[in-house]
Amino acid sequence: MGILSWIIFGLFAGFMARWIMPGRDGGGLILTTLLGIAGAFVGGWVGVRLGFGDISGFNLGSMLTAVIGALFLLFVYRLISRS
C-alpha cells in the first residue's frame, strides 16, 4: 500500500479506536491519524508474531488488526498522559 493509503487506513482505524474507547484526549485529527497508522503497524506486527496474519490490504481482518493496535496505543497514551 502507498503512503496515502496508509494515512487513510490509519485515519479510519484511529477514529474507530476513539469511538470504541471515548475520552477527552488532546491532539485532534493529527494525533488520531498517527495513532491509527501506528496502531496498524503494531497490530500487524503482533498479529504476525501470534500467527493471526498481517495487514495485507483494505479488508476486514486488516481493519480489525489495525483498530486493536490503535486501541492498545490509545490505552498506553492515556496512561502516559495522566502522569
PDB file of N, CA and C in Angstrom:
ATOM      1  N   MET A   1       0.846  -1.179   0.000  1.00  0.00           N
ATOM      2  CA  MET A   1       0.000   0.000   0.000  1.00  0.00           C
ATOM      3  C   MET A   1       0.886   1.235   0.000  1.00  0.00           C
ATOM      4  N   GLY A   2       0.418   2.270  -0.664  1.00  0.00           N
ATOM      5  CA  GLY A   2       1.153   3.521  -0.718  1.00  0.00           C
ATOM      6  C   GLY A   2       0.952   4.331   0.553  1.00  0.00           C
ATOM      7  N   ILE A   3       1.715   5.400   0.682  1.00  0.00           N
ATOM      8  CA  ILE A   3       1.655   6.230   1.880  1.00  0.00           C
ATOM      9  C   ILE A   3       0.282   6.865   2.057  1.00  0.00           C
ATOM     10  N   LEU A   4      -0.351   7.271   0.971  1.00  0.00           N
ATOM     11  CA  LEU A   4      -1.691   7.855   1.069  1.00  0.00           C
ATOM     12  C   LEU A   4      -2.697   6.821   1.570  1.00  0.00           C
ATOM     13  N   SER A   5      -2.552   5.585   1.118  1.00  0.00           N
ATOM     14  CA  SER A   5      -3.432   4.515   1.586  1.00  0.00           C
ATOM     15  C   SER A   5      -3.246   4.266   3.079  1.00  0.00           C
ATOM     16  N   TRP A   6      -1.985   4.275   3.534  1.00  0.00           N
ATOM     17  CA  TRP A   6      -1.725   4.083   4.964  1.00  0.00           C
ATOM     18  C   TRP A   6      -2.334   5.208   5.784  1.00  0.00           C
ATOM     19  N   ILE A   7      -2.268   6.443   5.284  1.00  0.00           N
ATOM     20  CA  ILE A   7      -2.831   7.571   6.020  1.00  0.00           C
ATOM     21  C   ILE A   7      -4.344   7.438   6.122  1.00  0.00           C
ATOM     22  N   ILE A   8      -4.997   7.101   5.030  1.00  0.00           N
ATOM     23  CA  ILE A   8      -6.453   6.928   5.042  1.00  0.00           C
ATOM     24  C   ILE A   8      -6.850   5.757   5.940  1.00  0.00           C
ATOM     25  N   PHE A   9      -6.130   4.652   5.811  1.00  0.00           N
ATOM     26  CA  PHE A   9      -6.385   3.466   6.637  1.00  0.00           C
ATOM     27  C   PHE A   9      -6.171   3.798   8.110  1.00  0.00           C
ATOM     28  N   GLY A  10      -5.089   4.512   8.407  1.00  0.00           N
ATOM     29  CA  GLY A  10      -4.786   4.904   9.788  1.00  0.00           C
ATOM     30  C   GLY A  10      -5.807   5.870  10.356  1.00  0.00           C
ATOM     31  N   LEU A  11      -6.265   6.791   9.526  1.00  0.00           N
ATOM     32  CA  LEU A  11      -7.284   7.733   9.974  1.00  0.00           C
ATOM     33  C   LEU A  11      -8.551   6.994  10.384  1.00  0.00           C
ATOM     34  N   PHE A  12      -8.967   6.057   9.558  1.00  0.00           N
ATOM     35  CA  PHE A  12     -10.169   5.290   9.873  1.00  0.00           C
ATOM     36  C   PHE A  12      -9.961   4.436  11.122  1.00  0.00           C
ATOM     37  N   ALA A  13      -8.808   3.769  11.235  1.00  0.00           N
ATOM     38  CA  ALA A  13      -8.529   2.931  12.410  1.00  0.00           C
ATOM     39  C   ALA A  13      -8.462   3.780  13.669  1.00  0.00           C
ATOM     40  N   GLY A  14      -7.866   4.962  13.576  1.00  0.00           N
ATOM     41  CA  GLY A  14      -7.798   5.860  14.727  1.00  0.00           C
ATOM     42  C   GLY A  14      -9.175   6.342  15.165  1.00  0.00           C
ATOM     43  N   PHE A  15     -10.031   6.697  14.201  1.00  0.00           N
ATOM     44  CA  PHE A  15     -11.392   7.110  14.540  1.00  0.00           C
ATOM     45  C   PHE A  15     -12.179   5.970  15.177  1.00  0.00           C
ATOM     46  N   MET A  16     -12.003   4.769  14.659  1.00  0.00           N
ATOM     47  CA  MET A  16     -12.696   3.616  15.243  1.00  0.00           C
ATOM     48  C   MET A  16     -12.231   3.367  16.678  1.00  0.00           C
ATOM     49  N   ALA A  17     -10.930   3.489  16.917  1.00  0.00           N
ATOM     50  CA  ALA A  17     -10.401   3.297  18.270  1.00  0.00           C
ATOM     51  C   ALA A  17     -10.951   4.356  19.221  1.00  0.00           C
ATOM     52  N   ARG A  18     -11.013   5.600  18.756  1.00  0.00           N
ATOM     53  CA  ARG A  18     -11.559   6.665  19.605  1.00  0.00           C
ATOM     54  C   ARG A  18     -13.065   6.495  19.822  1.00  0.00           C
ATOM     55  N   TRP A  19     -13.747   5.932  18.865  1.00  0.00           N
ATOM     56  CA  TRP A  19     -15.188   5.696  19.008  1.00  0.00           C
ATOM     57  C   TRP A  19     -15.431   4.572  20.020  1.00  0.00           C
ATOM     58  N   ILE A  20     -14.611   3.521  19.966  1.00  0.00           N
ATOM     59  CA  ILE A  20     -14.759   2.389  20.887  1.00  0.00           C
ATOM     60  C   ILE A  20     -14.347   2.785  22.295  1.00  0.00           C
ATOM     61  N   MET A  21     -13.305   3.609  22.419  1.00  0.00           N
ATOM     62  CA  MET A  21     -12.765   3.999  23.720  1.00  0.00           C
ATOM     63  C   MET A  21     -12.773   5.522  23.823  1.00  0.00           C
ATOM     64  N   PRO A  22     -13.965   6.121  24.027  1.00  0.00           N
ATOM     65  CA  PRO A  22     -14.044   7.582  24.042  1.00  0.00           C
ATOM     66  C   PRO A  22     -13.387   8.170  25.285  1.00  0.00           C
ATOM     67  N   GLY A  23     -13.026   9.413  25.174  1.00  0.00           N
ATOM     68  CA  GLY A  23     -12.426  10.118  26.302  1.00  0.00           C
ATOM     69  C   GLY A  23     -11.992  11.498  25.851  1.00  0.00           C
ATOM     70  N   ARG A  24     -11.503  12.258  26.798  1.00  0.00           N
ATOM     71  CA  ARG A  24     -11.066  13.618  26.490  1.00  0.00           C
ATOM     72  C   ARG A  24      -9.563  13.608  26.273  1.00  0.00           C
ATOM     73  N   ASP A  25      -9.164  13.435  25.038  1.00  0.00           N
ATOM     74  CA  ASP A  25      -7.755  13.437  24.674  1.00  0.00           C
ATOM     75  C   ASP A  25      -7.480  14.639  23.791  1.00  0.00           C
ATOM     76  N   GLY A  26      -6.323  15.218  23.963  1.00  0.00           N
ATOM     77  CA  GLY A  26      -5.914  16.307  23.078  1.00  0.00           C
ATOM     78  C   GLY A  26      -5.338  15.724  21.791  1.00  0.00           C
ATOM     79  N   GLY A  27      -4.984  16.600  20.887  1.00  0.00           N
ATOM     80  CA  GLY A  27      -4.302  16.149  19.681  1.00  0.00           C
ATOM     81  C   GLY A  27      -5.137  16.230  18.432  1.00  0.00           C
ATOM     82  N   GLY A  28      -6.409  16.005  18.531  1.00  0.00           N
ATOM     83  CA  GLY A  28      -7.290  16.134  17.392  1.00  0.00           C
ATOM     84  C   GLY A  28      -7.025  15.172  16.254  1.00  0.00           C
ATOM     85  N   LEU A  29      -7.207  15.665  15.052  1.00  0.00           N
ATOM     86  CA  LEU A  29      -7.136  14.850  13.845  1.00  0.00           C
ATOM     87  C   LEU A  29      -5.737  14.279  13.613  1.00  0.00           C
ATOM     88  N   ILE A  30      -4.708  15.062  13.867  1.00  0.00           N
ATOM     89  CA  ILE A  30      -3.341  14.589  13.611  1.00  0.00           C
ATOM     90  C   ILE A  30      -2.986  13.450  14.556  1.00  0.00           C
ATOM     91  N   LEU A  31      -3.285  13.586  15.836  1.00  0.00           N
ATOM     92  CA  LEU A  31      -2.997  12.513  16.788  1.00  0.00           C
ATOM     93  C   LEU A  31      -3.817  11.270  16.471  1.00  0.00           C
ATOM     94  N   THR A  32      -5.061  11.455  16.079  1.00  0.00           N
ATOM     95  CA  THR A  32      -5.908  10.317  15.717  1.00  0.00           C
ATOM     96  C   THR A  32      -5.334   9.573  14.518  1.00  0.00           C
ATOM     97  N   THR A  33      -4.880  10.311  13.513  1.00  0.00           N
ATOM     98  CA  THR A  33      -4.285   9.685  12.329  1.00  0.00           C
ATOM     99  C   THR A  33      -2.996   8.959  12.676  1.00  0.00           C
ATOM    100  N   LEU A  34      -2.122   9.599  13.418  1.00  0.00           N
ATOM    101  CA  LEU A  34      -0.862   8.959  13.808  1.00  0.00           C
ATOM    102  C   LEU A  34      -1.099   7.735  14.679  1.00  0.00           C
ATOM    103  N   LEU A  35      -2.059   7.834  15.569  1.00  0.00           N
ATOM    104  CA  LEU A  35      -2.417   6.706  16.422  1.00  0.00           C
ATOM    105  C   LEU A  35      -2.924   5.538  15.584  1.00  0.00           C
ATOM    106  N   GLY A  36      -3.733   5.825  14.596  1.00  0.00           N
ATOM    107  CA  GLY A  36      -4.254   4.772  13.725  1.00  0.00           C
ATOM    108  C   GLY A  36      -3.179   4.130  12.864  1.00  0.00           C
ATOM    109  N   ILE A  37      -2.277   4.947  12.302  1.00  0.00           N
ATOM    110  CA  ILE A  37      -1.196   4.410  11.477  1.00  0.00           C
ATOM    111  C   ILE A  37      -0.262   3.556  12.330  1.00  0.00           C
ATOM    112  N   ALA A  38       0.129   4.076  13.487  1.00  0.00           N
ATOM    113  CA  ALA A  38       0.995   3.305  14.383  1.00  0.00           C
ATOM    114  C   ALA A  38       0.278   2.051  14.868  1.00  0.00           C
ATOM    115  N   GLY A  39      -1.015   2.169  15.125  1.00  0.00           N
ATOM    116  CA  GLY A  39      -1.797   1.003  15.544  1.00  0.00           C
ATOM    117  C   GLY A  39      -1.841  -0.072  14.476  1.00  0.00           C
ATOM    118  N   ALA A  40      -1.908   0.341  13.219  1.00  0.00           N
ATOM    119  CA  ALA A  40      -1.883  -0.621  12.121  1.00  0.00           C
ATOM    120  C   ALA A  40      -0.558  -1.363  12.093  1.00  0.00           C
ATOM    121  N   PHE A  41       0.534  -0.636  12.289  1.00  0.00           N
ATOM    122  CA  PHE A  41       1.842  -1.281  12.321  1.00  0.00           C
ATOM    123  C   PHE A  41       1.990  -2.201  13.528  1.00  0.00           C
ATOM    124  N   VAL A  42       1.595  -1.720  14.711  1.00  0.00           N
ATOM    125  CA  VAL A  42       1.699  -2.538  15.924  1.00  0.00           C
ATOM    126  C   VAL A  42       0.797  -3.761  15.818  1.00  0.00           C
ATOM    127  N   GLY A  43      -0.437  -3.553  15.404  1.00  0.00           N
ATOM    128  CA  GLY A  43      -1.366  -4.674  15.257  1.00  0.00           C
ATOM    129  C   GLY A  43      -0.874  -5.696  14.247  1.00  0.00           C
ATOM    130  N   GLY A  44      -0.325  -5.216  13.126  1.00  0.00           N
ATOM    131  CA  GLY A  44       0.220  -6.121  12.121  1.00  0.00           C
ATOM    132  C   GLY A  44       1.414  -6.900  12.647  1.00  0.00           C
ATOM    133  N   TRP A  45       2.292  -6.227  13.368  1.00  0.00           N
ATOM    134  CA  TRP A  45       3.479  -6.876  13.913  1.00  0.00           C
ATOM    135  C   TRP A  45       3.091  -7.947  14.926  1.00  0.00           C
ATOM    136  N   VAL A  46       2.194  -7.602  15.851  1.00  0.00           N
ATOM    137  CA  VAL A  46       1.746  -8.569  16.857  1.00  0.00           C
ATOM    138  C   VAL A  46       0.971  -9.704  16.199  1.00  0.00           C
ATOM    139  N   GLY A  47       0.134  -9.385  15.236  1.00  0.00           N
ATOM    140  CA  GLY A  47      -0.644 -10.409  14.539  1.00  0.00           C
ATOM    141  C   GLY A  47       0.236 -11.431  13.843  1.00  0.00           C
ATOM    142  N   VAL A  48       1.296 -10.961  13.210  1.00  0.00           N
ATOM    143  CA  VAL A  48       2.228 -11.874  12.542  1.00  0.00           C
ATOM    144  C   VAL A  48       2.931 -12.745  13.572  1.00  0.00           C
ATOM    145  N   ARG A  49       3.371 -12.155  14.680  1.00  0.00           N
ATOM    146  CA  ARG A  49       4.083 -12.905  15.717  1.00  0.00           C
ATOM    147  C   ARG A  49       3.189 -13.961  16.371  1.00  0.00           C
ATOM    148  N   LEU A  50       1.898 -13.676  16.489  1.00  0.00           N
ATOM    149  CA  LEU A  50       0.976 -14.630  17.122  1.00  0.00           C
ATOM    150  C   LEU A  50       0.330 -15.580  16.116  1.00  0.00           C
ATOM    151  N   GLY A  51       0.614 -15.388  14.846  1.00  0.00           N
ATOM    152  CA  GLY A  51       0.097 -16.280  13.820  1.00  0.00           C
ATOM    153  C   GLY A  51      -1.306 -15.957  13.339  1.00  0.00           C
ATOM    154  N   PHE A  52      -1.785 -14.731  13.607  1.00  0.00           N
ATOM    155  CA  PHE A  52      -3.129 -14.343  13.179  1.00  0.00           C
ATOM    156  C   PHE A  52      -3.164 -13.784  11.770  1.00  0.00           C
ATOM    157  N   GLY A  53      -2.035 -13.492  11.210  1.00  0.00           N
ATOM    158  CA  GLY A  53      -1.994 -12.872   9.891  1.00  0.00           C
ATOM    159  C   GLY A  53      -1.436 -11.473  10.000  1.00  0.00           C
ATOM    160  N   ASP A  54      -1.511 -10.734   8.924  1.00  0.00           N
ATOM    161  CA  ASP A  54      -0.967  -9.386   8.917  1.00  0.00           C
ATOM    162  C   ASP A  54      -1.895  -8.436   8.176  1.00  0.00           C
ATOM    163  N   ILE A  55      -1.446  -7.202   8.067  1.00  0.00           N
ATOM    164  CA  ILE A  55      -2.207  -6.196   7.353  1.00  0.00           C
ATOM    165  C   ILE A  55      -1.785  -6.272   5.897  1.00  0.00           C
ATOM    166  N   SER A  56      -2.683  -6.774   5.062  1.00  0.00           N
ATOM    167  CA  SER A  56      -2.317  -7.049   3.675  1.00  0.00           C
ATOM    168  C   SER A  56      -3.194  -6.304   2.676  1.00  0.00           C
ATOM    169  N   GLY A  57      -3.836  -5.259   3.086  1.00  0.00           N
ATOM    170  CA  GLY A  57      -4.690  -4.503   2.181  1.00  0.00           C
ATOM    171  C   GLY A  57      -5.939  -4.042   2.899  1.00  0.00           C
ATOM    172  N   PHE A  58      -6.842  -3.481   2.153  1.00  0.00           N
ATOM    173  CA  PHE A  58      -8.090  -2.990   2.731  1.00  0.00           C
ATOM    174  C   PHE A  58      -9.080  -4.136   2.823  1.00  0.00           C
ATOM    175  N   ASN A  59      -9.125  -4.804   3.969  1.00  0.00           N
ATOM    176  CA  ASN A  59     -10.110  -5.842   4.206  1.00  0.00           C
ATOM    177  C   ASN A  59     -10.483  -5.833   5.685  1.00  0.00           C
ATOM    178  N   LEU A  60     -11.478  -6.594   6.048  1.00  0.00           N
ATOM    179  CA  LEU A  60     -11.994  -6.568   7.414  1.00  0.00           C
ATOM    180  C   LEU A  60     -10.961  -7.040   8.430  1.00  0.00           C
ATOM    181  N   GLY A  61     -10.204  -8.089   8.102  1.00  0.00           N
ATOM    182  CA  GLY A  61      -9.182  -8.584   9.017  1.00  0.00           C
ATOM    183  C   GLY A  61      -8.096  -7.561   9.286  1.00  0.00           C
ATOM    184  N   SER A  62      -7.679  -6.872   8.244  1.00  0.00           N
ATOM    185  CA  SER A  62      -6.657  -5.838   8.404  1.00  0.00           C
ATOM    186  C   SER A  62      -7.192  -4.681   9.235  1.00  0.00           C
ATOM    187  N   MET A  63      -8.438  -4.302   9.004  1.00  0.00           N
ATOM    188  CA  MET A  63      -9.025  -3.208   9.778  1.00  0.00           C
ATOM    189  C   MET A  63      -9.144  -3.585  11.244  1.00  0.00           C
ATOM    190  N   LEU A  64      -9.581  -4.797  11.526  1.00  0.00           N
ATOM    191  CA  LEU A  64      -9.695  -5.255  12.908  1.00  0.00           C
ATOM    192  C   LEU A  64      -8.329  -5.253  13.584  1.00  0.00           C
ATOM    193  N   THR A  65      -7.319  -5.724  12.888  1.00  0.00           N
ATOM    194  CA  THR A  65      -5.960  -5.735  13.427  1.00  0.00           C
ATOM    195  C   THR A  65      -5.479  -4.314  13.707  1.00  0.00           C
ATOM    196  N   ALA A  66      -5.728  -3.400  12.793  1.00  0.00           N
ATOM    197  CA  ALA A  66      -5.310  -2.014  12.964  1.00  0.00           C
ATOM    198  C   ALA A  66      -6.057  -1.345  14.113  1.00  0.00           C
ATOM    199  N   VAL A  67      -7.332  -1.601  14.244  1.00  0.00           N
ATOM    200  CA  VAL A  67      -8.119  -0.992  15.315  1.00  0.00           C
ATOM    201  C   VAL A  67      -7.667  -1.530  16.671  1.00  0.00           C
ATOM    202  N   ILE A  68      -7.393  -2.820  16.770  1.00  0.00           N
ATOM    203  CA  ILE A  68      -6.906  -3.387  18.034  1.00  0.00           C
ATOM    204  C   ILE A  68      -5.557  -2.774  18.398  1.00  0.00           C
ATOM    205  N   GLY A  69      -4.685  -2.627  17.416  1.00  0.00           N
ATOM    206  CA  GLY A  69      -3.407  -1.964  17.667  1.00  0.00           C
ATOM    207  C   GLY A  69      -3.588  -0.523  18.096  1.00  0.00           C
ATOM    208  N   ALA A  70      -4.506   0.198  17.458  1.00  0.00           N
ATOM    209  CA  ALA A  70      -4.771   1.593  17.819  1.00  0.00           C
ATOM    210  C   ALA A  70      -5.389   1.695  19.206  1.00  0.00           C
ATOM    211  N   LEU A  71      -6.243   0.755  19.575  1.00  0.00           N
ATOM    212  CA  LEU A  71      -6.811   0.737  20.930  1.00  0.00           C
ATOM    213  C   LEU A  71      -5.713   0.552  21.970  1.00  0.00           C
ATOM    214  N   PHE A  72      -4.790  -0.344  21.688  1.00  0.00           N
ATOM    215  CA  PHE A  72      -3.673  -0.571  22.600  1.00  0.00           C
ATOM    216  C   PHE A  72      -2.839   0.699  22.752  1.00  0.00           C
ATOM    217  N   LEU A  73      -2.527   1.342  21.632  1.00  0.00           N
ATOM    218  CA  LEU A  73      -1.731   2.569  21.698  1.00  0.00           C
ATOM    219  C   LEU A  73      -2.487   3.704  22.381  1.00  0.00           C
ATOM    220  N   LEU A  74      -3.790   3.784  22.183  1.00  0.00           N
ATOM    221  CA  LEU A  74      -4.597   4.790  22.868  1.00  0.00           C
ATOM    222  C   LEU A  74      -4.579   4.559  24.369  1.00  0.00           C
ATOM    223  N   PHE A  75      -4.663   3.307  24.786  1.00  0.00           N
ATOM    224  CA  PHE A  75      -4.594   2.963  26.203  1.00  0.00           C
ATOM    225  C   PHE A  75      -3.245   3.385  26.793  1.00  0.00           C
ATOM    226  N   VAL A  76      -2.165   3.069  26.096  1.00  0.00           N
ATOM    227  CA  VAL A  76      -0.822   3.436  26.551  1.00  0.00           C
ATOM    228  C   VAL A  76      -0.661   4.957  26.582  1.00  0.00           C
ATOM    229  N   TYR A  77      -1.172   5.638  25.555  1.00  0.00           N
ATOM    230  CA  TYR A  77      -1.102   7.095  25.506  1.00  0.00           C
ATOM    231  C   TYR A  77      -1.814   7.717  26.710  1.00  0.00           C
ATOM    232  N   ARG A  78      -2.961   7.192  27.048  1.00  0.00           N
ATOM    233  CA  ARG A  78      -3.699   7.719  28.186  1.00  0.00           C
ATOM    234  C   ARG A  78      -2.989   7.454  29.508  1.00  0.00           C
ATOM    235  N   LEU A  79      -2.339   6.308  29.631  1.00  0.00           N
ATOM    236  CA  LEU A  79      -1.560   6.025  30.842  1.00  0.00           C
ATOM    237  C   LEU A  79      -0.399   7.012  30.975  1.00  0.00           C
ATOM    238  N   ILE A  80       0.280   7.286  29.870  1.00  0.00           N
ATOM    239  CA  ILE A  80       1.439   8.182  29.894  1.00  0.00           C
ATOM    240  C   ILE A  80       1.001   9.631  30.140  1.00  0.00           C
ATOM    241  N   SER A  81      -0.082  10.044  29.516  1.00  0.00           N
ATOM    242  CA  SER A  81      -0.505  11.437  29.630  1.00  0.00           C
ATOM    243  C   SER A  81      -1.093  11.770  30.995  1.00  0.00           C
ATOM    244  N   ARG A  82      -1.519  10.783  31.751  1.00  0.00           N
ATOM    245  CA  ARG A  82      -2.050  11.026  33.103  1.00  0.00           C
ATOM    246  C   ARG A  82      -0.948  11.368  34.090  1.00  0.00           C
ATOM    247  N   SER A  83       0.258  10.867  33.865  1.00  0.00           N
ATOM    248  CA  SER A  83       1.336  11.084  34.834  1.00  0.00           C
ATOM    249  C   SER A  83       1.864  12.479  34.815  1.00  0.00           C
TER     250      SER A  83
END
